[in-house]
C-alpha atoms as a PDB file:
ATOM      1  CA  UNK A   1      22.074  79.980 -33.997  1.00  0.00           C
ATOM      2  CA  UNK A   2      22.276  83.482 -32.553  1.00  0.00           C
ATOM      3  CA  UNK A   3      21.068  82.192 -29.231  1.00  0.00           C
ATOM      4  CA  UNK A   4      24.201  79.528 -29.235  1.00  0.00           C
ATOM      5  CA  UNK A   5      26.533  82.694 -30.072  1.00  0.00           C
ATOM      6  CA  UNK A   6      25.301  84.632 -27.627  1.00  0.00           C
ATOM      7  CA  UNK A   7      25.810  81.850 -24.778  1.00  0.00           C
ATOM      8  CA  UNK A   8      28.924  80.858 -26.249  1.00  0.00           C
ATOM      9  CA  UNK A   9      30.213  84.631 -26.112  1.00  0.00           C
ATOM     10  CA  UNK A  10      29.009  85.010 -22.474  1.00  0.00           C
ATOM     11  CA  UNK A  11      31.043  81.754 -21.256  1.00  0.00           C
ATOM     12  CA  UNK A  12      33.754  82.835 -23.429  1.00  0.00           C
ATOM     13  CA  UNK A  13      33.972  86.236 -21.577  1.00  0.00           C
ATOM     14  CA  UNK A  14      33.656  84.882 -17.991  1.00  0.00           C
ATOM     15  CA  UNK A  15      36.473  82.645 -18.937  1.00  0.00           C
ATOM     16  CA  UNK A  16      38.547  85.419 -20.425  1.00  0.00           C
ATOM     17  CA  UNK A  17      37.932  87.706 -17.230  1.00  0.00           C
ATOM     18  CA  UNK A  18      39.272  85.053 -15.144  1.00  0.00           C
ATOM     19  CA  UNK A  19      42.226  84.461 -17.307  1.00  0.00           C
ATOM     20  CA  UNK A  20      43.148  88.019 -17.083  1.00  0.00           C
ATOM     21  CA  UNK A  21      42.595  88.598 -13.587  1.00  0.00           C
ATOM     22  CA  UNK A  22      44.718  85.807 -12.566  1.00  0.00           C
ATOM     23  CA  UNK A  23      47.709  87.732 -13.984  1.00  0.00           C
ATOM     24  CA  UNK A  24      50.582  87.605 -16.306  1.00  0.00           C
ATOM     25  CA  UNK A  25      51.719  84.004 -16.018  1.00  0.00           C
ATOM     26  CA  UNK A  26      48.138  82.573 -16.436  1.00  0.00           C
ATOM     27  CA  UNK A  27      47.397  84.998 -18.965  1.00  0.00           C
ATOM     28  CA  UNK A  28      50.599  83.985 -20.988  1.00  0.00           C
ATOM     29  CA  UNK A  29      50.040  80.437 -20.672  1.00  0.00           C
ATOM     30  CA  UNK A  30      46.281  80.354 -21.690  1.00  0.00           C
ATOM     31  CA  UNK A  31      47.583  82.863 -25.062  1.00  0.00           C
ATOM     32  CA  UNK A  32      50.303  80.044 -25.796  1.00  0.00           C
ATOM     33  CA  UNK A  33      47.570  77.430 -25.499  1.00  0.00           C
ATOM     34  CA  UNK A  34      45.369  79.273 -27.966  1.00  0.00           C
ATOM     35  CA  UNK A  35      48.066  80.104 -30.319  1.00  0.00           C
ATOM     36  CA  UNK A  36      48.877  76.403 -30.439  1.00  0.00           C
ATOM     37  CA  UNK A  37      45.632  75.581 -31.155  1.00  0.00           C
ATOM     38  CA  UNK A  38      45.030  78.570 -33.678  1.00  0.00           C
ATOM     39  CA  UNK A  39      48.151  77.308 -35.438  1.00  0.00           C
ATOM     40  CA  UNK A  40      46.984  73.658 -35.786  1.00  0.00           C
ATOM     41  CA  UNK A  41      43.786  74.917 -37.304  1.00  0.00           C
ATOM     42  CA  UNK A  42      45.865  77.113 -39.697  1.00  0.00           C
ATOM     43  CA  UNK A  43      48.053  74.426 -40.918  1.00  0.00           C
ATOM     44  CA  UNK A  44      45.019  71.969 -41.086  1.00  0.00           C
ATOM     45  CA  UNK A  45      43.116  74.214 -43.294  1.00  0.00           C
ATOM     46  CA  UNK A  46      46.230  74.734 -45.809  1.00  0.00           C
ATOM     47  CA  UNK A  47      46.592  71.091 -45.643  1.00  0.00           C
ATOM     48  CA  UNK A  48      42.981  70.792 -46.878  1.00  0.00           C
ATOM     49  CA  UNK A  49      44.090  73.115 -49.837  1.00  0.00           C
ATOM     50  CA  UNK A  50      46.680  70.761 -50.838  1.00  0.00           C
ATOM     51  CA  UNK A  51      49.682  72.199 -48.851  1.00  0.00           C
ATOM     52  CA  UNK A  52      52.158  70.674 -46.664  1.00  0.00           C
ATOM     53  CA  UNK A  53      53.268  73.280 -44.143  1.00  0.00           C
ATOM     54  CA  UNK A  54      55.941  72.399 -41.754  1.00  0.00           C
ATOM     55  CA  UNK A  55      53.575  72.135 -38.524  1.00  0.00           C
ATOM     56  CA  UNK A  56      56.514  70.860 -35.942  1.00  0.00           C
ATOM     57  CA  UNK A  57      58.298  74.157 -36.647  1.00  0.00           C
ATOM     58  CA  UNK A  58      55.149  76.369 -36.511  1.00  0.00           C
ATOM     59  CA  UNK A  59      54.340  74.576 -33.007  1.00  0.00           C
ATOM     60  CA  UNK A  60      57.746  75.576 -31.743  1.00  0.00           C
ATOM     61  CA  UNK A  61      57.567  79.247 -32.545  1.00  0.00           C
ATOM     62  CA  UNK A  62      54.626  79.533 -30.239  1.00  0.00           C
ATOM     63  CA  UNK A  63      57.189  79.026 -27.436  1.00  0.00           C
ATOM     64  CA  UNK A  64      58.028  82.620 -27.643  1.00  0.00           C
ATOM     65  CA  UNK A  65      54.665  83.557 -26.300  1.00  0.00           C
ATOM     66  CA  UNK A  66      55.351  81.311 -23.498  1.00  0.00           C
ATOM     67  CA  UNK A  67      58.731  82.819 -22.773  1.00  0.00           C
ATOM     68  CA  UNK A  68      57.199  86.121 -22.857  1.00  0.00           C
ATOM     69  CA  UNK A  69      54.391  84.951 -20.238  1.00  0.00           C
ATOM     70  CA  UNK A  70      56.728  83.835 -18.036  1.00  0.00           C
ATOM     71  CA  UNK A  71      58.790  87.049 -18.269  1.00  0.00           C
ATOM     72  CA  UNK A  72      59.780  88.290 -14.900  1.00  0.00           C
ATOM     73  CA  UNK A  73      58.318  84.948 -13.095  1.00  0.00           C
ATOM     74  CA  UNK A  74      61.553  82.902 -13.736  1.00  0.00           C
ATOM     75  CA  UNK A  75      64.797  84.532 -13.809  1.00  0.00           C
ATOM     76  CA  UNK A  76      66.549  82.419 -16.359  1.00  0.00           C
ATOM     77  CA  UNK A  77      63.867  83.017 -19.111  1.00  0.00           C
ATOM     78  CA  UNK A  78      63.389  86.558 -18.309  1.00  0.00           C
ATOM     79  CA  UNK A  79      66.888  87.181 -19.183  1.00  0.00           C
ATOM     80  CA  UNK A  80      66.062  85.447 -22.313  1.00  0.00           C
ATOM     81  CA  UNK A  81      62.791  87.083 -22.936  1.00  0.00           C
ATOM     82  CA  UNK A  82      63.906  90.636 -22.282  1.00  0.00           C
ATOM     83  CA  UNK A  83      66.063  90.503 -25.029  1.00  0.00           C
ATOM     84  CA  UNK A  84      63.289  90.346 -27.507  1.00  0.00           C
ATOM     85  CA  UNK A  85      62.277  93.884 -26.784  1.00  0.00           C
ATOM     86  CA  UNK A  86      64.687  94.683 -29.284  1.00  0.00           C
ATOM     87  CA  UNK A  87      63.827  94.225 -32.738  1.00  0.00           C
ATOM     88  CA  UNK A  88      67.236  92.974 -33.972  1.00  0.00           C
ATOM     89  CA  UNK A  89      66.753  89.969 -31.586  1.00  0.00           C
ATOM     90  CA  UNK A  90      63.635  89.291 -32.941  1.00  0.00           C
ATOM     91  CA  UNK A  91      65.018  89.111 -36.199  1.00  0.00           C
ATOM     92  CA  UNK A  92      67.558  86.742 -35.146  1.00  0.00           C
ATOM     93  CA  UNK A  93      64.647  84.472 -33.762  1.00  0.00           C
ATOM     94  CA  UNK A  94      63.156  84.667 -37.566  1.00  0.00           C
ATOM     95  CA  UNK A  95      66.475  83.916 -39.295  1.00  0.00           C
ATOM     96  CA  UNK A  96      67.040  80.911 -36.997  1.00  0.00           C
ATOM     97  CA  UNK A  97      63.760  79.571 -38.286  1.00  0.00           C
ATOM     98  CA  UNK A  98      64.594  80.760 -41.686  1.00  0.00           C
ATOM     99  CA  UNK A  99      67.612  78.065 -41.552  1.00  0.00           C
ATOM    100  CA  UNK A 100      65.530  75.280 -40.060  1.00  0.00           C
ATOM    101  CA  UNK A 101      62.961  75.715 -43.009  1.00  0.00           C
ATOM    102  CA  UNK A 102      65.741  75.954 -45.663  1.00  0.00           C
ATOM    103  CA  UNK A 103      67.337  72.763 -44.313  1.00  0.00           C
ATOM    104  CA  UNK A 104      64.249  71.218 -44.893  1.00  0.00           C
ATOM    105  CA  UNK A 105      64.170  72.313 -48.293  1.00  0.00           C
ATOM    106  CA  UNK A 106      67.776  70.859 -48.898  1.00  0.00           C
ATOM    107  CA  UNK A 107      67.332  67.857 -47.120  1.00  0.00           C
ATOM    108  CA  UNK A 108      63.378  66.925 -47.454  1.00  0.00           C
ATOM    109  CA  UNK A 109      63.119  68.415 -51.339  1.00  0.00           C
ATOM    110  CA  UNK A 110      60.829  65.607 -52.366  1.00  0.00           C
ATOM    111  CA  UNK A 111      58.378  66.428 -49.234  1.00  0.00           C
ATOM    112  CA  UNK A 112      58.432  69.936 -48.785  1.00  0.00           C
ATOM    113  CA  UNK A 113      58.613  72.818 -51.439  1.00  0.00           C
ATOM    114  CA  UNK A 114      59.093  76.718 -51.402  1.00  0.00           C
ATOM    115  CA  UNK A 115      55.382  76.953 -51.100  1.00  0.00           C
ATOM    116  CA  UNK A 116      55.103  74.943 -48.158  1.00  0.00           C
ATOM    117  CA  UNK A 117      58.081  76.583 -46.643  1.00  0.00           C
ATOM    118  CA  UNK A 118      56.455  80.381 -47.222  1.00  0.00           C
ATOM    119  CA  UNK A 119      53.100  79.264 -45.953  1.00  0.00           C
ATOM    120  CA  UNK A 120      54.846  77.799 -42.703  1.00  0.00           C
ATOM    121  CA  UNK A 121      56.561  81.233 -42.067  1.00  0.00           C
ATOM    122  CA  UNK A 122      53.347  83.315 -42.761  1.00  0.00           C
ATOM    123  CA  UNK A 123      51.760  80.961 -40.214  1.00  0.00           C
ATOM    124  CA  UNK A 124      54.253  82.047 -37.509  1.00  0.00           C
ATOM    125  CA  UNK A 125      54.047  85.511 -38.407  1.00  0.00           C
ATOM    126  CA  UNK A 126      50.258  85.542 -38.612  1.00  0.00           C
ATOM    127  CA  UNK A 127      49.681  83.763 -35.262  1.00  0.00           C
ATOM    128  CA  UNK A 128      52.663  83.169 -33.021  1.00  0.00           C
ATOM    129  CA  UNK A 129      53.902  86.793 -33.747  1.00  0.00           C
ATOM    130  CA  UNK A 130      50.613  88.473 -33.388  1.00  0.00           C
ATOM    131  CA  UNK A 131      49.059  86.426 -30.293  1.00  0.00           C
ATOM    132  CA  UNK A 132      52.495  87.759 -28.609  1.00  0.00           C
ATOM    133  CA  UNK A 133      51.365  91.141 -28.803  1.00  0.00           C
ATOM    134  CA  UNK A 134      48.265  90.165 -26.308  1.00  0.00           C
ATOM    135  CA  UNK A 135      50.776  88.870 -23.641  1.00  0.00           C
ATOM    136  CA  UNK A 136      53.224  91.884 -24.135  1.00  0.00           C
ATOM    137  CA  UNK A 137      50.152  94.161 -23.396  1.00  0.00           C
ATOM    138  CA  UNK A 138      49.191  92.499 -20.403  1.00  0.00           C
ATOM    139  CA  UNK A 139      52.653  92.673 -19.282  1.00  0.00           C
ATOM    140  CA  UNK A 140      52.817  96.470 -19.685  1.00  0.00           C
ATOM    141  CA  UNK A 141      52.439  98.578 -16.538  1.00  0.00           C
ATOM    142  CA  UNK A 142      48.474  98.812 -15.832  1.00  0.00           C
ATOM    143  CA  UNK A 143      48.337  95.782 -18.201  1.00  0.00           C
ATOM    144  CA  UNK A 144      45.224  94.745 -16.816  1.00  0.00           C
ATOM    145  CA  UNK A 145      43.263  97.470 -17.833  1.00  0.00           C
ATOM    146  CA  UNK A 146      45.052  98.007 -21.315  1.00  0.00           C
ATOM    147  CA  UNK A 147      44.572  94.679 -22.480  1.00  0.00           C
ATOM    148  CA  UNK A 148      40.857  95.119 -22.593  1.00  0.00           C
ATOM    149  CA  UNK A 149      41.276  97.629 -25.450  1.00  0.00           C
ATOM    150  CA  UNK A 150      42.333  94.815 -27.703  1.00  0.00           C
ATOM    151  CA  UNK A 151      39.179  92.853 -26.924  1.00  0.00           C
ATOM    152  CA  UNK A 152      36.886  95.951 -27.089  1.00  0.00           C
ATOM    153  CA  UNK A 153      38.576  96.862 -30.692  1.00  0.00           C
ATOM    154  CA  UNK A 154      37.878  93.484 -31.794  1.00  0.00           C
ATOM    155  CA  UNK A 155      34.832  92.025 -30.535  1.00  0.00           C
ATOM    156  CA  UNK A 156      33.192  95.575 -29.990  1.00  0.00           C
ATOM    157  CA  UNK A 157      33.653  96.110 -34.036  1.00  0.00           C
ATOM    158  CA  UNK A 158      32.538  92.710 -34.584  1.00  0.00           C
ATOM    159  CA  UNK A 159      29.366  93.006 -32.789  1.00  0.00           C
ATOM    160  CA  UNK A 160      28.660  96.546 -34.004  1.00  0.00           C
ATOM    161  CA  UNK A 161      29.280  95.573 -37.641  1.00  0.00           C
ATOM    162  CA  UNK A 162      26.925  92.511 -37.298  1.00  0.00           C
ATOM    163  CA  UNK A 163      23.794  94.291 -35.589  1.00  0.00           C
ATOM    164  CA  UNK A 164      24.608  97.211 -38.129  1.00  0.00           C
ATOM    165  CA  UNK A 165      24.641  95.345 -41.207  1.00  0.00           C
ATOM    166  CA  UNK A 166      21.822  93.098 -40.200  1.00  0.00           C
ATOM    167  CA  UNK A 167      19.824  96.075 -39.767  1.00  0.00           C
ATOM    168  CA  UNK A 168      20.744  98.262 -42.391  1.00  0.00           C
ATOM    169  CA  UNK A 169      23.032  96.526 -44.650  1.00  0.00           C
ATOM    170  CA  UNK A 170      22.508  96.967 -48.360  1.00  0.00           C
ATOM    171  CA  UNK A 171      25.779  97.516 -50.457  1.00  0.00           C
ATOM    172  CA  UNK A 172      27.834  94.374 -50.600  1.00  0.00           C
ATOM    173  CA  UNK A 173      31.679  95.029 -50.311  1.00  0.00           C
ATOM    174  CA  UNK A 174      33.273  91.652 -50.573  1.00  0.00           C
ATOM    175  CA  UNK A 175      30.567  89.522 -52.345  1.00  0.00           C
ATOM    176  CA  UNK A 176      33.034  86.911 -53.204  1.00  0.00           C
ATOM    177  CA  UNK A 177      35.208  86.388 -50.146  1.00  0.00           C
ATOM    178  CA  UNK A 178      32.067  87.183 -47.632  1.00  0.00           C
ATOM    179  CA  UNK A 179      28.632  87.527 -49.221  1.00  0.00           C
ATOM    180  CA  UNK A 180      27.233  89.273 -45.627  1.00  0.00           C
ATOM    181  CA  UNK A 181      29.695  91.716 -45.286  1.00  0.00           C
ATOM    182  CA  UNK A 182      28.202  95.277 -46.260  1.00  0.00           C
ATOM    183  CA  UNK A 183      29.805  98.785 -46.414  1.00  0.00           C
ATOM    184  CA  UNK A 184      26.751  99.814 -43.772  1.00  0.00           C
ATOM    185  CA  UNK A 185      28.237  97.227 -41.364  1.00  0.00           C
ATOM    186  CA  UNK A 186      31.619  98.230 -41.914  1.00  0.00           C
ATOM    187  CA  UNK A 187      30.897 101.766 -41.018  1.00  0.00           C
ATOM    188  CA  UNK A 188      28.837 100.772 -37.993  1.00  0.00           C
ATOM    189  CA  UNK A 189      31.525  98.485 -36.811  1.00  0.00           C
ATOM    190  CA  UNK A 190      33.906 101.647 -36.851  1.00  0.00           C
ATOM    191  CA  UNK A 191      31.471 103.885 -35.216  1.00  0.00           C
ATOM    192  CA  UNK A 192      30.629 101.161 -32.736  1.00  0.00           C
ATOM    193  CA  UNK A 193      34.202 100.388 -31.595  1.00  0.00           C
ATOM    194  CA  UNK A 194      34.944 104.375 -31.301  1.00  0.00           C
ATOM    195  CA  UNK A 195      31.836 104.436 -28.893  1.00  0.00           C
ATOM    196  CA  UNK A 196      32.886 101.563 -26.935  1.00  0.00           C
ATOM    197  CA  UNK A 197      36.284 102.549 -26.580  1.00  0.00           C
ATOM    198  CA  UNK A 198      35.583 105.928 -25.546  1.00  0.00           C
ATOM    199  CA  UNK A 199      33.018 104.567 -23.207  1.00  0.00           C
ATOM    200  CA  UNK A 200      35.657 102.518 -21.647  1.00  0.00           C
ATOM    201  CA  UNK A 201      38.438 105.434 -21.746  1.00  0.00           C
ATOM    202  CA  UNK A 202      35.732 107.493 -19.612  1.00  0.00           C
ATOM    203  CA  UNK A 203      35.256 104.517 -17.115  1.00  0.00           C
ATOM    204  CA  UNK A 204      39.491 104.269 -16.931  1.00  0.00           C
ATOM    205  CA  UNK A 205      39.727 108.149 -16.328  1.00  0.00           C
ATOM    206  CA  UNK A 206      36.705 108.509 -13.669  1.00  0.00           C
ATOM    207  CA  UNK A 207      38.275 105.545 -11.773  1.00  0.00           C
ATOM    208  CA  UNK A 208      41.806 106.725 -11.902  1.00  0.00           C
ATOM    209  CA  UNK A 209      43.069 103.037 -12.920  1.00  0.00           C
ATOM    210  CA  UNK A 210      45.738 104.473 -15.427  1.00  0.00           C
ATOM    211  CA  UNK A 211      45.972 107.840 -14.339  1.00  0.00           C
ATOM    212  CA  UNK A 212      44.333 110.581 -16.849  1.00  0.00           C
ATOM    213  CA  UNK A 213      44.512 109.730 -20.514  1.00  0.00           C
ATOM    214  CA  UNK A 214      42.938 112.293 -22.844  1.00  0.00           C
ATOM    215  CA  UNK A 215      40.004 111.170 -24.663  1.00  0.00           C
ATOM    216  CA  UNK A 216      41.101 112.038 -28.079  1.00  0.00           C
ATOM    217  CA  UNK A 217      43.625 108.945 -27.697  1.00  0.00           C
ATOM    218  CA  UNK A 218      40.373 106.564 -27.244  1.00  0.00           C
ATOM    219  CA  UNK A 219      38.760 108.169 -29.960  1.00  0.00           C
ATOM    220  CA  UNK A 220      41.747 107.414 -32.294  1.00  0.00           C
ATOM    221  CA  UNK A 221      42.461 103.979 -30.921  1.00  0.00           C
ATOM    222  CA  UNK A 222      39.078 103.198 -31.695  1.00  0.00           C
ATOM    223  CA  UNK A 223      38.800 104.348 -35.174  1.00  0.00           C
ATOM    224  CA  UNK A 224      42.062 102.558 -36.006  1.00  0.00           C
ATOM    225  CA  UNK A 225      40.634  99.624 -34.132  1.00  0.00           C
ATOM    226  CA  UNK A 226      37.669  99.363 -35.912  1.00  0.00           C
ATOM    227  CA  UNK A 227      39.253  99.750 -39.147  1.00  0.00           C
ATOM    228  CA  UNK A 228      42.032  97.075 -38.658  1.00  0.00           C
ATOM    229  CA  UNK A 229      40.209  94.398 -37.162  1.00  0.00           C
ATOM    230  CA  UNK A 230      37.788  94.531 -40.013  1.00  0.00           C
ATOM    231  CA  UNK A 231      40.733  93.651 -42.142  1.00  0.00           C
ATOM    232  CA  UNK A 232      41.500  90.726 -39.750  1.00  0.00           C
ATOM    233  CA  UNK A 233      37.961  89.585 -40.390  1.00  0.00           C
ATOM    234  CA  UNK A 234      38.266  89.690 -44.153  1.00  0.00           C
ATOM    235  CA  UNK A 235      41.575  88.082 -44.291  1.00  0.00           C
ATOM    236  CA  UNK A 236      40.477  85.114 -42.586  1.00  0.00           C
ATOM    237  CA  UNK A 237      37.581  84.996 -44.556  1.00  0.00           C
ATOM    238  CA  UNK A 238      39.815  85.157 -47.738  1.00  0.00           C
ATOM    239  CA  UNK A 239      42.039  82.255 -46.432  1.00  0.00           C
ATOM    240  CA  UNK A 240      39.026  79.981 -45.986  1.00  0.00           C
ATOM    241  CA  UNK A 241      37.607  80.944 -49.274  1.00  0.00           C
ATOM    242  CA  UNK A 242      40.924  79.878 -50.774  1.00  0.00           C
ATOM    243  CA  UNK A 243      41.019  76.781 -49.075  1.00  0.00           C
ATOM    244  CA  UNK A 244      37.422  76.018 -49.520  1.00  0.00           C
ATOM    245  CA  UNK A 245      36.261  75.446 -45.940  1.00  0.00           C
ATOM    246  CA  UNK A 246      33.454  77.296 -43.750  1.00  0.00           C
ATOM    247  CA  UNK A 247      35.305  77.602 -40.233  1.00  0.00           C
ATOM    248  CA  UNK A 248      38.816  76.816 -38.941  1.00  0.00           C
ATOM    249  CA  UNK A 249      37.653  74.520 -36.316  1.00  0.00           C
ATOM    250  CA  UNK A 250      34.493  73.832 -33.934  1.00  0.00           C
ATOM    251  CA  UNK A 251      36.032  74.335 -30.396  1.00  0.00           C
ATOM    252  CA  UNK A 252      33.653  77.397 -29.589  1.00  0.00           C
ATOM    253  CA  UNK A 253      29.797  76.377 -30.349  1.00  0.00           C
ATOM    254  CA  UNK A 254      28.367  79.026 -32.686  1.00  0.00           C
ATOM    255  CA  UNK A 255      31.733  80.641 -33.498  1.00  0.00           C
ATOM    256  CA  UNK A 256      34.067  78.112 -35.156  1.00  0.00           C
ATOM    257  CA  UNK A 257      37.733  77.555 -33.954  1.00  0.00           C
ATOM    258  CA  UNK A 258      40.143  79.851 -32.221  1.00  0.00           C
ATOM    259  CA  UNK A 259      41.102  81.727 -35.510  1.00  0.00           C
ATOM    260  CA  UNK A 260      37.355  82.267 -36.378  1.00  0.00           C
ATOM    261  CA  UNK A 261      37.148  84.171 -33.096  1.00  0.00           C
ATOM    262  CA  UNK A 262      40.525  85.622 -32.766  1.00  0.00           C
ATOM    263  CA  UNK A 263      41.002  86.634 -36.330  1.00  0.00           C
ATOM    264  CA  UNK A 264      40.388  90.279 -35.513  1.00  0.00           C
ATOM    265  CA  UNK A 265      42.643  90.201 -32.321  1.00  0.00           C
ATOM    266  CA  UNK A 266      45.641  88.873 -34.367  1.00  0.00           C
ATOM    267  CA  UNK A 267      45.554  92.469 -36.004  1.00  0.00           C
ATOM    268  CA  UNK A 268      44.078  94.566 -33.267  1.00  0.00           C
ATOM    269  CA  UNK A 269      46.753  93.480 -30.431  1.00  0.00           C
ATOM    270  CA  UNK A 270      49.661  94.633 -32.259  1.00  0.00           C
ATOM    271  CA  UNK A 271      48.015  98.130 -32.746  1.00  0.00           C
ATOM    272  CA  UNK A 272      47.023  98.583 -29.213  1.00  0.00           C
ATOM    273  CA  UNK A 273      50.407  97.482 -27.857  1.00  0.00           C
ATOM    274  CA  UNK A 274      52.507 100.078 -30.052  1.00  0.00           C
ATOM    275  CA  UNK A 275      49.907 102.940 -29.575  1.00  0.00           C
ATOM    276  CA  UNK A 276      50.007 102.299 -25.647  1.00  0.00           C
ATOM    277  CA  UNK A 277      53.688 102.069 -25.517  1.00  0.00           C
ATOM    278  CA  UNK A 278      54.826 104.756 -27.926  1.00  0.00           C
ATOM    279  CA  UNK A 279      52.049 107.219 -28.021  1.00  0.00           C
ATOM    280  CA  UNK A 280      50.112 106.940 -24.659  1.00  0.00           C
ATOM    281  CA  UNK A 281      53.037 106.103 -22.397  1.00  0.00           C
ATOM    282  CA  UNK A 282      55.209 108.630 -23.888  1.00  0.00           C
ATOM    283  CA  UNK A 283      52.865 111.513 -23.491  1.00  0.00           C
END
């Protein structure tokens, strides 16, 4: 099992490197496809739990990611997407989704109820909204280098927590939701994330890829990512436990589905984006 996970991880990292390397357009399209698959996995898991999310509306919301990915590449789309930089326009987008969903409650009340509509909207925030921050981070100045902070924050934490928990873990912290999670593993995950993030920061500064950024920023970001990425992992486990499934899918051997591998990314990517844009870039 571990061998399968390692091989799958190596192949995935190679593909990820190629996607990031080929620029904002390719990266945006790739994230759009991941979001569609992730939305499908999430709504399917809810269906197994007896709910009826409005899948078409959820899939449609992923177009926001595609628009952001195309920003600056196709002029008419660029004019639309740049407006989503402002919160008021994003909330207008959500308002339109609200209208569509409430129309379904009104005219399809025998098929959809309030729980179905609420879970549909939750999926949009959870997946489409969160995935969009990956694309926005890649679109920043020096985004090719910044985007790796999100992947280091999520997968570095996961790896460090896994091996620390396997070697030192004793105190269970989530016995019902995720029996293998331990306090020692959680602490090791945060520590490992800080270490990897600082090492990456040293690499960036040494090569002057993004100018000079004080190392304390990488310490802070590593600690924040190490904490919040585990919330993303635990949250996904809680949902799976609630609908009684083991994995969201089986698209990635040894890892499960898209959401099984990107559950932490969905929480880390907004944090990385805002920290870079409003703290590092503003310094």
